Amino acid sequence: MRGELRLNSLREQMPSEPERLPELERKFKEFHCIRDNDIERFIQNNALAFERSGLARTYFYTDDESDGFARKMSVVAYFTVTVTACLPKVV
């Protein structure tokens, strides 16, 4: 059964719910993208580090399901916005 889609900010999740970070990291590791492995690898390996360093902001959609006994959350989509500018080198 499909649950409720929710938009989450990684930046807001980190300080407000630090006890959820290990669970969130596991959910990021479960994220798969059949079109582009780089998209998959970024959220699995870099999203938290980029967020901590201030290089980018990541937002992710979760699908929260309930089977009557337990809630199950999965990351179904995400997008990341860079907060730094890369300027071309002037020759």
C-alpha atoms as a PDB file:
ATOM      1  CA  MET A   1       0.000   0.000   0.000  1.00  0.00           C
ATOM      2  CA  ARG A   2       1.315   3.424  -0.923  1.00  0.00           C
ATOM      3  CA  GLY A   3       1.700   5.793   1.979  1.00  0.00           C
ATOM      4  CA  GLU A   4       1.994   9.518   2.299  1.00  0.00           C
ATOM      5  CA  LEU A   5       4.717  11.361   0.331  1.00  0.00           C
ATOM      6  CA  ARG A   6       6.545  13.908   2.459  1.00  0.00           C
ATOM      7  CA  LEU A   7       9.229  16.441   1.545  1.00  0.00           C
ATOM      8  CA  ASN A   8      12.077  16.551   4.086  1.00  0.00           C
ATOM      9  CA  SER A   9      15.056  18.837   4.471  1.00  0.00           C
ATOM     10  CA  LEU A  10      18.265  17.052   5.417  1.00  0.00           C
ATOM     11  CA  ARG A  11      19.516  20.253   7.032  1.00  0.00           C
ATOM     12  CA  GLU A  12      16.490  20.402   9.316  1.00  0.00           C
ATOM     13  CA  GLN A  13      16.648  16.692  10.152  1.00  0.00           C
ATOM     14  CA  MET A  14      20.283  16.768  11.268  1.00  0.00           C
ATOM     15  CA  PRO A  15      20.072  19.047  14.324  1.00  0.00           C
ATOM     16  CA  SER A  16      16.444  18.416  15.258  1.00  0.00           C
ATOM     17  CA  GLU A  17      16.593  14.621  15.196  1.00  0.00           C
ATOM     18  CA  PRO A  18      20.240  13.482  15.464  1.00  0.00           C
ATOM     19  CA  GLU A  19      19.137  10.086  16.771  1.00  0.00           C
ATOM     20  CA  ARG A  20      17.495   9.446  13.365  1.00  0.00           C
ATOM     21  CA  LEU A  21      20.710   9.952  11.368  1.00  0.00           C
ATOM     22  CA  PRO A  22      21.810   6.279  11.445  1.00  0.00           C
ATOM     23  CA  GLU A  23      18.362   5.225  10.226  1.00  0.00           C
ATOM     24  CA  LEU A  24      18.415   7.936   7.566  1.00  0.00           C
ATOM     25  CA  GLU A  25      21.858   6.823   6.385  1.00  0.00           C
ATOM     26  CA  ARG A  26      20.494   3.272   6.020  1.00  0.00           C
ATOM     27  CA  LYS A  27      17.544   4.576   4.015  1.00  0.00           C
ATOM     28  CA  PHE A  28      19.894   6.561   1.768  1.00  0.00           C
ATOM     29  CA  LYS A  29      21.923   3.364   1.172  1.00  0.00           C
ATOM     30  CA  GLU A  30      18.715   1.649   0.036  1.00  0.00           C
ATOM     31  CA  PHE A  31      17.969   4.360  -2.559  1.00  0.00           C
ATOM     32  CA  HIS A  32      18.410   3.169  -6.140  1.00  0.00           C
ATOM     33  CA  CYS A  33      18.332   4.973  -9.471  1.00  0.00           C
ATOM     34  CA  ILE A  34      18.277   2.782 -12.571  1.00  0.00           C
ATOM     35  CA  ARG A  35      18.988   5.722 -14.905  1.00  0.00           C
ATOM     36  CA  ASP A  36      22.154   7.126 -13.372  1.00  0.00           C
ATOM     37  CA  ASN A  37      24.527   5.510 -10.882  1.00  0.00           C
ATOM     38  CA  ASP A  38      26.023   8.908  -9.972  1.00  0.00           C
ATOM     39  CA  ILE A  39      22.652  10.004  -8.599  1.00  0.00           C
ATOM     40  CA  GLU A  40      22.504   6.867  -6.516  1.00  0.00           C
ATOM     41  CA  ARG A  41      26.093   7.206  -5.271  1.00  0.00           C
ATOM     42  CA  PHE A  42      25.700  10.861  -4.277  1.00  0.00           C
ATOM     43  CA  ILE A  43      22.895  10.290  -1.783  1.00  0.00           C
ATOM     44  CA  GLN A  44      24.464   7.065  -0.530  1.00  0.00           C
ATOM     45  CA  ASN A  45      27.972   8.442   0.003  1.00  0.00           C
ATOM     46  CA  ASN A  46      28.087  12.253  -0.126  1.00  0.00           C
ATOM     47  CA  ALA A  47      24.808  13.921   0.826  1.00  0.00           C
ATOM     48  CA  LEU A  48      25.481  14.037   4.576  1.00  0.00           C
ATOM     49  CA  ALA A  49      29.070  15.257   4.155  1.00  0.00           C
ATOM     50  CA  PHE A  50      28.025  18.002   1.706  1.00  0.00           C
ATOM     51  CA  GLU A  51      25.262  19.061   4.082  1.00  0.00           C
ATOM     52  CA  ARG A  52      27.610  19.204   7.077  1.00  0.00           C
ATOM     53  CA  SER A  53      30.228  21.193   5.148  1.00  0.00           C
ATOM     54  CA  GLY A  54      27.686  23.666   3.784  1.00  0.00           C
ATOM     55  CA  LEU A  55      28.443  22.852   0.141  1.00  0.00           C
ATOM     56  CA  ALA A  56      24.894  21.772  -0.694  1.00  0.00           C
ATOM     57  CA  ARG A  57      21.368  21.393   0.623  1.00  0.00           C
ATOM     58  CA  THR A  58      19.561  18.105   0.063  1.00  0.00           C
ATOM     59  CA  TYR A  59      15.806  17.628   0.116  1.00  0.00           C
ATOM     60  CA  PHE A  60      14.265  14.192  -0.119  1.00  0.00           C
ATOM     61  CA  TYR A  61      10.827  12.685  -0.488  1.00  0.00           C
ATOM     62  CA  THR A  62       9.824   9.832   1.750  1.00  0.00           C
ATOM     63  CA  ASP A  63       6.972   7.413   1.352  1.00  0.00           C
ATOM     64  CA  ASP A  64       5.666   6.645   4.826  1.00  0.00           C
ATOM     65  CA  GLU A  65       3.666   3.414   4.934  1.00  0.00           C
ATOM     66  CA  SER A  66       1.889   1.644   7.731  1.00  0.00           C
ATOM     67  CA  ASP A  67       0.903  -2.010   7.603  1.00  0.00           C
ATOM     68  CA  GLY A  68      -1.260  -1.730  10.700  1.00  0.00           C
ATOM     69  CA  PHE A  69       1.549  -2.731  13.066  1.00  0.00           C
ATOM     70  CA  ALA A  70       4.677  -0.839  12.056  1.00  0.00           C
ATOM     71  CA  ARG A  71       5.556   2.206  10.028  1.00  0.00           C
ATOM     72  CA  LYS A  72       7.967   1.865   7.147  1.00  0.00           C
ATOM     73  CA  MET A  73       9.732   4.843   5.610  1.00  0.00           C
ATOM     74  CA  SER A  74      11.612   4.796   2.313  1.00  0.00           C
ATOM     75  CA  VAL A  75      13.385   7.520   0.353  1.00  0.00           C
ATOM     76  CA  VAL A  76      11.744   7.637  -3.076  1.00  0.00           C
ATOM     77  CA  ALA A  77      13.313  10.781  -4.590  1.00  0.00           C
ATOM     78  CA  TYR A  78      15.696  13.598  -3.752  1.00  0.00           C
ATOM     79  CA  PHE A  79      17.247  16.743  -5.107  1.00  0.00           C
ATOM     80  CA  THR A  80      20.342  18.620  -4.057  1.00  0.00           C
ATOM     81  CA  VAL A  81      21.062  22.298  -4.550  1.00  0.00           C
ATOM     82  CA  THR A  82      24.590  23.625  -4.387  1.00  0.00           C
ATOM     83  CA  VAL A  83      25.066  26.709  -2.250  1.00  0.00           C
ATOM     84  CA  THR A  84      28.467  27.660  -3.617  1.00  0.00           C
ATOM     85  CA  ALA A  85      29.359  29.124  -6.964  1.00  0.00           C
ATOM     86  CA  CYS A  86      32.050  27.808  -9.223  1.00  0.00           C
ATOM     87  CA  LEU A  87      33.527  30.728 -11.084  1.00  0.00           C
ATOM     88  CA  PRO A  88      35.514  30.171 -14.256  1.00  0.00           C
ATOM     89  CA  LYS A  89      39.224  30.796 -14.019  1.00  0.00           C
ATOM     90  CA  VAL A  90      40.120  34.068 -15.710  1.00  0.00           C
ATOM     91  CA  VAL A  91      43.155  33.776 -17.944  1.00  0.00           C
END
